[in-house]
Amino acid sequence: MPFNALSFSALIQGNGFTLWHYRTSDTRTAVTAAGYFSAVASRLQPGDLMILQAADALALLPIRTGPALGTGVTLDGAVGPLAMVRTVAHGFAISQAAAAVVRGIVLAPLTAIVVAGATIPASATVIGPISQVVFTLRDANDAIIPPIRTRNVVNGQANAGFPAPPVGTGYRIRVEDAADPGVGMTSASFTVGPDLRLLLQENGELLLLEDGGALKQ
């Protein structure tokens, strides 16, 4: 019998490739004869594959130019009715719940000038789920000056103290989340100056300066 378009369908299509299916009561030899699929020649492309369910065989055949069928592979020489799933519908759903968590650290202002030999106090207010913070003293090149202070956060507050570094400028204090260093704050730069306090020593009737010189009236 001639080609039956109602028994011809595409199972898979993608990337310029199509897997066809054709079911017929004709024999495999009749189907593979030249011109059998001339009615759908424009739809068949070289490199496509066809699953053929013929009267005497189940075969997988390649499409050549023309279109002509290649030799292919006979999967079964004595077949019964072939049932294939042509379309499948899948249900898919996804949901996501998210909530914003605010975290922040605010460093209390420092004095612009610190006297050598003094202690530099540092205080931070902590917002959000942060349990520990790290305080560091840094020089003008952002290098850490030991010691490093790790403090637990208590009622949203954390405090630390540092001995004043050598006389110089550009010093800063940074405080950050111990678990996430990206959450933190660095103070404005400050200067460490010499201790200008008087030495309370007397030389006769004169009050002496730190270097031993007399305090002028």
C-alpha atoms as a PDB file:
ATOM      1  CA  MET A   1       0.000   0.000   0.000  1.00  0.00           C
ATOM      2  CA  PRO A   2       1.219   3.591  -0.489  1.00  0.00           C
ATOM      3  CA  PHE A   3       2.660   5.897   2.169  1.00  0.00           C
ATOM      4  CA  ASN A   4       0.143   6.824   4.899  1.00  0.00           C
ATOM      5  CA  ALA A   5       0.772  10.290   6.357  1.00  0.00           C
ATOM      6  CA  LEU A   6      -1.466   9.594   9.376  1.00  0.00           C
ATOM      7  CA  SER A   7       0.962   6.916  10.571  1.00  0.00           C
ATOM      8  CA  PHE A   8       3.991   9.195  10.288  1.00  0.00           C
ATOM      9  CA  SER A   9       5.039  11.451  13.190  1.00  0.00           C
ATOM     10  CA  ALA A  10       8.027  13.096  14.866  1.00  0.00           C
ATOM     11  CA  LEU A  11       8.944  11.745  18.290  1.00  0.00           C
ATOM     12  CA  ILE A  12      11.894  14.002  19.171  1.00  0.00           C
ATOM     13  CA  GLN A  13      13.127  17.243  17.605  1.00  0.00           C
ATOM     14  CA  GLY A  14      16.068  19.404  18.610  1.00  0.00           C
ATOM     15  CA  ASN A  15      19.321  20.925  17.329  1.00  0.00           C
ATOM     16  CA  GLY A  16      18.340  20.234  13.718  1.00  0.00           C
ATOM     17  CA  PHE A  17      17.742  16.536  14.434  1.00  0.00           C
ATOM     18  CA  THR A  18      14.446  14.605  14.330  1.00  0.00           C
ATOM     19  CA  LEU A  19      13.580  11.086  15.437  1.00  0.00           C
ATOM     20  CA  TRP A  20      10.624   9.891  13.296  1.00  0.00           C
ATOM     21  CA  HIS A  21       8.182   7.043  13.788  1.00  0.00           C
ATOM     22  CA  TYR A  22       6.270   5.300  10.989  1.00  0.00           C
ATOM     23  CA  ARG A  23       3.854   2.404  11.367  1.00  0.00           C
ATOM     24  CA  THR A  24       2.607   0.459   8.330  1.00  0.00           C
ATOM     25  CA  SER A  25       1.318  -2.905   7.169  1.00  0.00           C
ATOM     26  CA  ASP A  26       3.870  -2.805   4.329  1.00  0.00           C
ATOM     27  CA  THR A  27       7.040  -4.856   4.540  1.00  0.00           C
ATOM     28  CA  ARG A  28      10.409  -3.393   5.422  1.00  0.00           C
ATOM     29  CA  THR A  29      11.550  -3.909   1.811  1.00  0.00           C
ATOM     30  CA  ALA A  30       8.602  -1.978   0.426  1.00  0.00           C
ATOM     31  CA  VAL A  31       9.125   0.938   2.798  1.00  0.00           C
ATOM     32  CA  THR A  32      12.830   1.260   2.013  1.00  0.00           C
ATOM     33  CA  ALA A  33      12.214   1.336  -1.754  1.00  0.00           C
ATOM     34  CA  ALA A  34      13.112   4.564  -3.560  1.00  0.00           C
ATOM     35  CA  GLY A  35      10.376   7.203  -3.589  1.00  0.00           C
ATOM     36  CA  TYR A  36       8.236   5.674  -0.824  1.00  0.00           C
ATOM     37  CA  PHE A  37       8.503   8.805   1.345  1.00  0.00           C
ATOM     38  CA  SER A  38       8.421  11.330  -1.495  1.00  0.00           C
ATOM     39  CA  ALA A  39       5.261  12.912  -0.024  1.00  0.00           C
ATOM     40  CA  VAL A  40       7.234  14.098   3.023  1.00  0.00           C
ATOM     41  CA  ALA A  41      10.617  14.512   1.351  1.00  0.00           C
ATOM     42  CA  SER A  42      10.856  18.163   2.408  1.00  0.00           C
ATOM     43  CA  ARG A  43      10.547  17.203   6.087  1.00  0.00           C
ATOM     44  CA  LEU A  44      13.177  14.470   6.134  1.00  0.00           C
ATOM     45  CA  GLN A  45      16.729  15.714   6.588  1.00  0.00           C
ATOM     46  CA  PRO A  46      19.992  13.812   6.184  1.00  0.00           C
ATOM     47  CA  GLY A  47      21.080  12.521   9.574  1.00  0.00           C
ATOM     48  CA  ASP A  48      17.551  12.044  10.945  1.00  0.00           C
ATOM     49  CA  LEU A  49      16.560   8.630  12.274  1.00  0.00           C
ATOM     50  CA  MET A  50      13.348   6.683  11.766  1.00  0.00           C
ATOM     51  CA  ILE A  51      11.818   3.986  13.931  1.00  0.00           C
ATOM     52  CA  LEU A  52       9.997   1.783  11.423  1.00  0.00           C
ATOM     53  CA  GLN A  53       7.277  -0.587  12.535  1.00  0.00           C
ATOM     54  CA  ALA A  54       6.678  -2.644   9.381  1.00  0.00           C
ATOM     55  CA  ALA A  55       4.663  -5.803   8.856  1.00  0.00           C
ATOM     56  CA  ASP A  56       7.733  -8.008   9.121  1.00  0.00           C
ATOM     57  CA  ALA A  57      10.283  -6.028  11.155  1.00  0.00           C
ATOM     58  CA  LEU A  58      10.982  -3.367  13.729  1.00  0.00           C
ATOM     59  CA  ALA A  59      13.968  -1.341  12.490  1.00  0.00           C
ATOM     60  CA  LEU A  60      15.987   1.811  13.152  1.00  0.00           C
ATOM     61  CA  LEU A  61      16.820   3.476   9.839  1.00  0.00           C
ATOM     62  CA  PRO A  62      18.981   6.533   9.031  1.00  0.00           C
ATOM     63  CA  ILE A  63      17.749   9.166   6.570  1.00  0.00           C
ATOM     64  CA  ARG A  64      20.026   9.802   3.617  1.00  0.00           C
ATOM     65  CA  THR A  65      19.719  12.367   0.872  1.00  0.00           C
ATOM     66  CA  GLY A  66      16.784  12.188  -1.464  1.00  0.00           C
ATOM     67  CA  PRO A  67      15.329  11.337   0.998  1.00  0.00           C
ATOM     68  CA  ALA A  68      16.435   7.737   0.877  1.00  0.00           C
ATOM     69  CA  LEU A  69      16.649   5.340   3.797  1.00  0.00           C
ATOM     70  CA  GLY A  70      19.920   3.724   4.798  1.00  0.00           C
ATOM     71  CA  THR A  71      20.385   0.061   5.619  1.00  0.00           C
ATOM     72  CA  GLY A  72      19.882   0.694   9.310  1.00  0.00           C
ATOM     73  CA  VAL A  73      19.444  -1.952  11.984  1.00  0.00           C
ATOM     74  CA  THR A  74      16.656  -4.490  12.280  1.00  0.00           C
ATOM     75  CA  LEU A  75      15.689  -4.660  15.915  1.00  0.00           C
ATOM     76  CA  ASP A  76      13.187  -7.490  15.609  1.00  0.00           C
ATOM     77  CA  GLY A  77      12.137  -9.664  12.658  1.00  0.00           C
ATOM     78  CA  ALA A  78       8.847 -10.843  14.139  1.00  0.00           C
ATOM     79  CA  VAL A  79       7.007  -7.982  15.789  1.00  0.00           C
ATOM     80  CA  GLY A  80       3.571  -7.292  17.070  1.00  0.00           C
ATOM     81  CA  PRO A  81       1.909  -3.937  17.639  1.00  0.00           C
ATOM     82  CA  LEU A  82       4.319  -1.310  18.960  1.00  0.00           C
ATOM     83  CA  ALA A  83       3.181   1.118  21.649  1.00  0.00           C
ATOM     84  CA  MET A  84       5.312   4.173  22.295  1.00  0.00           C
ATOM     85  CA  VAL A  85       4.878   7.227  24.524  1.00  0.00           C
ATOM     86  CA  ARG A  86       5.102  10.265  22.291  1.00  0.00           C
ATOM     87  CA  THR A  87       4.522  13.068  24.791  1.00  0.00           C
ATOM     88  CA  VAL A  88       5.010  13.336  28.498  1.00  0.00           C
ATOM     89  CA  ALA A  89       3.754  16.132  30.740  1.00  0.00           C
ATOM     90  CA  HIS A  90       5.603  16.848  33.976  1.00  0.00           C
ATOM     91  CA  GLY A  91       4.370  19.070  36.760  1.00  0.00           C
ATOM     92  CA  PHE A  92       7.056  21.068  38.552  1.00  0.00           C
ATOM     93  CA  ALA A  93       6.829  23.758  41.188  1.00  0.00           C
ATOM     94  CA  ILE A  94       9.332  25.485  43.440  1.00  0.00           C
ATOM     95  CA  SER A  95       8.954  27.934  46.285  1.00  0.00           C
ATOM     96  CA  GLN A  96      11.473  29.785  48.387  1.00  0.00           C
ATOM     97  CA  ALA A  97      11.049  31.694  51.602  1.00  0.00           C
ATOM     98  CA  ALA A  98      13.566  34.365  52.542  1.00  0.00           C
ATOM     99  CA  ALA A  99      13.890  36.959  55.260  1.00  0.00           C
ATOM    100  CA  ALA A 100      16.336  39.828  55.549  1.00  0.00           C
ATOM    101  CA  VAL A 101      18.769  39.736  58.492  1.00  0.00           C
ATOM    102  CA  VAL A 102      20.354  43.051  59.376  1.00  0.00           C
ATOM    103  CA  ARG A 103      23.913  42.986  60.735  1.00  0.00           C
ATOM    104  CA  GLY A 104      26.080  45.981  61.456  1.00  0.00           C
ATOM    105  CA  ILE A 105      28.878  47.325  63.627  1.00  0.00           C
ATOM    106  CA  VAL A 106      29.232  50.975  64.636  1.00  0.00           C
ATOM    107  CA  LEU A 107      32.543  52.071  66.141  1.00  0.00           C
ATOM    108  CA  ALA A 108      32.435  54.894  68.664  1.00  0.00           C
ATOM    109  CA  PRO A 109      34.454  58.015  67.675  1.00  0.00           C
ATOM    110  CA  LEU A 110      38.065  58.258  68.859  1.00  0.00           C
ATOM    111  CA  THR A 111      40.033  61.324  69.884  1.00  0.00           C
ATOM    112  CA  ALA A 112      42.101  62.860  67.093  1.00  0.00           C
ATOM    113  CA  ILE A 113      45.296  62.893  69.196  1.00  0.00           C
ATOM    114  CA  VAL A 114      46.483  60.221  71.616  1.00  0.00           C
ATOM    115  CA  VAL A 115      49.350  60.748  74.038  1.00  0.00           C
ATOM    116  CA  ALA A 116      52.215  58.256  73.932  1.00  0.00           C
ATOM    117  CA  GLY A 117      52.065  55.796  76.809  1.00  0.00           C
ATOM    118  CA  ALA A 118      48.291  56.078  77.183  1.00  0.00           C
ATOM    119  CA  THR A 119      45.642  53.412  76.571  1.00  0.00           C
ATOM    120  CA  ILE A 120      43.393  53.789  73.542  1.00  0.00           C
ATOM    121  CA  PRO A 121      39.796  52.745  74.361  1.00  0.00           C
ATOM    122  CA  ALA A 122      37.643  51.269  71.615  1.00  0.00           C
ATOM    123  CA  SER A 123      33.890  50.699  71.884  1.00  0.00           C
ATOM    124  CA  ALA A 124      31.488  49.240  69.307  1.00  0.00           C
ATOM    125  CA  THR A 125      27.720  48.938  69.060  1.00  0.00           C
ATOM    126  CA  VAL A 126      26.701  45.672  67.373  1.00  0.00           C
ATOM    127  CA  ILE A 127      23.446  45.200  65.457  1.00  0.00           C
ATOM    128  CA  GLY A 128      22.071  41.766  64.567  1.00  0.00           C
ATOM    129  CA  PRO A 129      23.200  38.178  65.191  1.00  0.00           C
ATOM    130  CA  ILE A 130      26.932  38.759  65.795  1.00  0.00           C
ATOM    131  CA  SER A 131      28.405  36.910  68.771  1.00  0.00           C
ATOM    132  CA  GLN A 132      32.069  37.938  68.573  1.00  0.00           C
ATOM    133  CA  VAL A 133      33.999  40.865  67.146  1.00  0.00           C
ATOM    134  CA  VAL A 134      37.695  41.450  66.518  1.00  0.00           C
ATOM    135  CA  PHE A 135      39.409  44.769  67.311  1.00  0.00           C
ATOM    136  CA  THR A 136      42.702  45.616  65.581  1.00  0.00           C
ATOM    137  CA  LEU A 137      45.030  48.603  65.725  1.00  0.00           C
ATOM    138  CA  ARG A 138      46.513  49.509  62.320  1.00  0.00           C
ATOM    139  CA  ASP A 139      49.254  51.802  61.122  1.00  0.00           C
ATOM    140  CA  ALA A 140      49.216  54.212  58.170  1.00  0.00           C
ATOM    141  CA  ASN A 141      49.900  51.295  55.768  1.00  0.00           C
ATOM    142  CA  ASP A 142      46.939  49.306  57.175  1.00  0.00           C
ATOM    143  CA  ALA A 143      49.310  46.789  58.781  1.00  0.00           C
ATOM    144  CA  ILE A 144      48.006  45.268  62.033  1.00  0.00           C
ATOM    145  CA  ILE A 145      49.895  46.247  65.195  1.00  0.00           C
ATOM    146  CA  PRO A 146      49.655  43.492  67.859  1.00  0.00           C
ATOM    147  CA  PRO A 147      47.856  42.624  70.009  1.00  0.00           C
ATOM    148  CA  ILE A 148      44.587  41.582  68.349  1.00  0.00           C
ATOM    149  CA  ARG A 149      41.582  41.774  70.664  1.00  0.00           C
ATOM    150  CA  THR A 150      38.683  39.300  70.285  1.00  0.00           C
ATOM    151  CA  ARG A 151      35.662  40.188  72.363  1.00  0.00           C
ATOM    152  CA  ASN A 152      32.249  38.621  72.988  1.00  0.00           C
ATOM    153  CA  VAL A 153      29.239  40.801  72.245  1.00  0.00           C
ATOM    154  CA  VAL A 154      27.182  41.455  75.386  1.00  0.00           C
ATOM    155  CA  ASN A 155      23.866  43.278  75.098  1.00  0.00           C
ATOM    156  CA  GLY A 156      24.897  44.689  71.722  1.00  0.00           C
ATOM    157  CA  GLN A 157      28.187  46.129  72.981  1.00  0.00           C
ATOM    158  CA  ALA A 158      31.863  45.172  72.818  1.00  0.00           C
ATOM    159  CA  ASN A 159      34.884  47.020  74.208  1.00  0.00           C
ATOM    160  CA  ALA A 160      38.665  46.764  73.974  1.00  0.00           C
ATOM    161  CA  GLY A 161      41.761  48.768  74.776  1.00  0.00           C
ATOM    162  CA  PHE A 162      45.159  49.140  73.106  1.00  0.00           C
ATOM    163  CA  PRO A 163      48.448  50.529  74.357  1.00  0.00           C
ATOM    164  CA  ALA A 164      49.354  53.606  72.352  1.00  0.00           C
ATOM    165  CA  PRO A 165      51.799  52.801  69.515  1.00  0.00           C
ATOM    166  CA  PRO A 166      54.932  54.861  68.796  1.00  0.00           C
ATOM    167  CA  VAL A 167      54.600  58.544  68.019  1.00  0.00           C
ATOM    168  CA  GLY A 168      53.241  58.947  64.508  1.00  0.00           C
ATOM    169  CA  THR A 169      50.184  59.655  62.355  1.00  0.00           C
ATOM    170  CA  GLY A 170      47.666  57.682  60.280  1.00  0.00           C
ATOM    171  CA  TYR A 171      46.772  55.167  62.989  1.00  0.00           C
ATOM    172  CA  ARG A 172      43.284  53.636  62.868  1.00  0.00           C
ATOM    173  CA  ILE A 173      41.227  51.063  64.762  1.00  0.00           C
ATOM    174  CA  ARG A 174      39.070  48.507  62.948  1.00  0.00           C
ATOM    175  CA  VAL A 175      36.355  46.275  64.395  1.00  0.00           C
ATOM    176  CA  GLU A 176      34.764  43.441  62.408  1.00  0.00           C
ATOM    177  CA  ASP A 177      32.578  40.365  62.778  1.00  0.00           C
ATOM    178  CA  ALA A 178      34.785  37.413  63.797  1.00  0.00           C
ATOM    179  CA  ALA A 179      32.735  35.106  61.545  1.00  0.00           C
ATOM    180  CA  ASP A 180      32.445  37.524  58.595  1.00  0.00           C
ATOM    181  CA  PRO A 181      35.230  40.123  58.265  1.00  0.00           C
ATOM    182  CA  GLY A 182      33.225  41.846  55.547  1.00  0.00           C
ATOM    183  CA  VAL A 183      30.944  43.256  58.246  1.00  0.00           C
ATOM    184  CA  GLY A 184      32.896  45.900  60.136  1.00  0.00           C
ATOM    185  CA  MET A 185      33.963  49.510  60.476  1.00  0.00           C
ATOM    186  CA  THR A 186      37.262  51.389  60.499  1.00  0.00           C
ATOM    187  CA  SER A 187      37.790  54.549  62.526  1.00  0.00           C
ATOM    188  CA  ALA A 188      39.064  57.847  61.213  1.00  0.00           C
ATOM    189  CA  SER A 189      42.831  58.210  61.440  1.00  0.00           C
ATOM    190  CA  PHE A 190      44.400  59.640  64.595  1.00  0.00           C
ATOM    191  CA  THR A 191      47.824  60.798  65.734  1.00  0.00           C
ATOM    192  CA  VAL A 192      49.976  59.617  68.603  1.00  0.00           C
ATOM    193  CA  GLY A 193      51.918  62.532  70.061  1.00  0.00           C
ATOM    194  CA  PRO A 194      54.652  62.745  72.725  1.00  0.00           C
ATOM    195  CA  ASP A 195      53.762  62.941  76.393  1.00  0.00           C
ATOM    196  CA  LEU A 196      53.998  66.632  77.229  1.00  0.00           C
ATOM    197  CA  ARG A 197      53.145  66.287  80.890  1.00  0.00           C
ATOM    198  CA  LEU A 198      55.543  68.025  83.321  1.00  0.00           C
ATOM    199  CA  LEU A 199      57.803  66.050  85.617  1.00  0.00           C
ATOM    200  CA  LEU A 200      57.030  67.244  89.108  1.00  0.00           C
ATOM    201  CA  GLN A 201      60.614  67.640  90.209  1.00  0.00           C
ATOM    202  CA  GLU A 202      62.120  70.650  91.848  1.00  0.00           C
ATOM    203  CA  ASN A 203      65.602  72.071  91.407  1.00  0.00           C
ATOM    204  CA  GLY A 204      65.887  74.570  94.122  1.00  0.00           C
ATOM    205  CA  GLU A 205      63.032  76.909  93.361  1.00  0.00           C
ATOM    206  CA  LEU A 206      62.554  75.812  89.729  1.00  0.00           C
ATOM    207  CA  LEU A 207      59.984  73.352  88.316  1.00  0.00           C
ATOM    208  CA  LEU A 208      61.708  71.119  85.773  1.00  0.00           C
ATOM    209  CA  LEU A 209      60.472  69.927  82.381  1.00  0.00           C
ATOM    210  CA  GLU A 210      60.670  66.319  81.243  1.00  0.00           C
ATOM    211  CA  ASP A 211      64.050  66.918  79.602  1.00  0.00           C
ATOM    212  CA  GLY A 212      65.449  68.462  82.766  1.00  0.00           C
ATOM    213  CA  GLY A 213      65.154  72.064  81.670  1.00  0.00           C
ATOM    214  CA  ALA A 214      63.547  74.642  83.903  1.00  0.00           C
ATOM    215  CA  LEU A 215      59.959  75.708  83.338  1.00  0.00           C
ATOM    216  CA  LYS A 216      59.985  79.370  82.351  1.00  0.00           C
ATOM    217  CA  GLN A 217      57.723  81.885  84.054  1.00  0.00           C
END
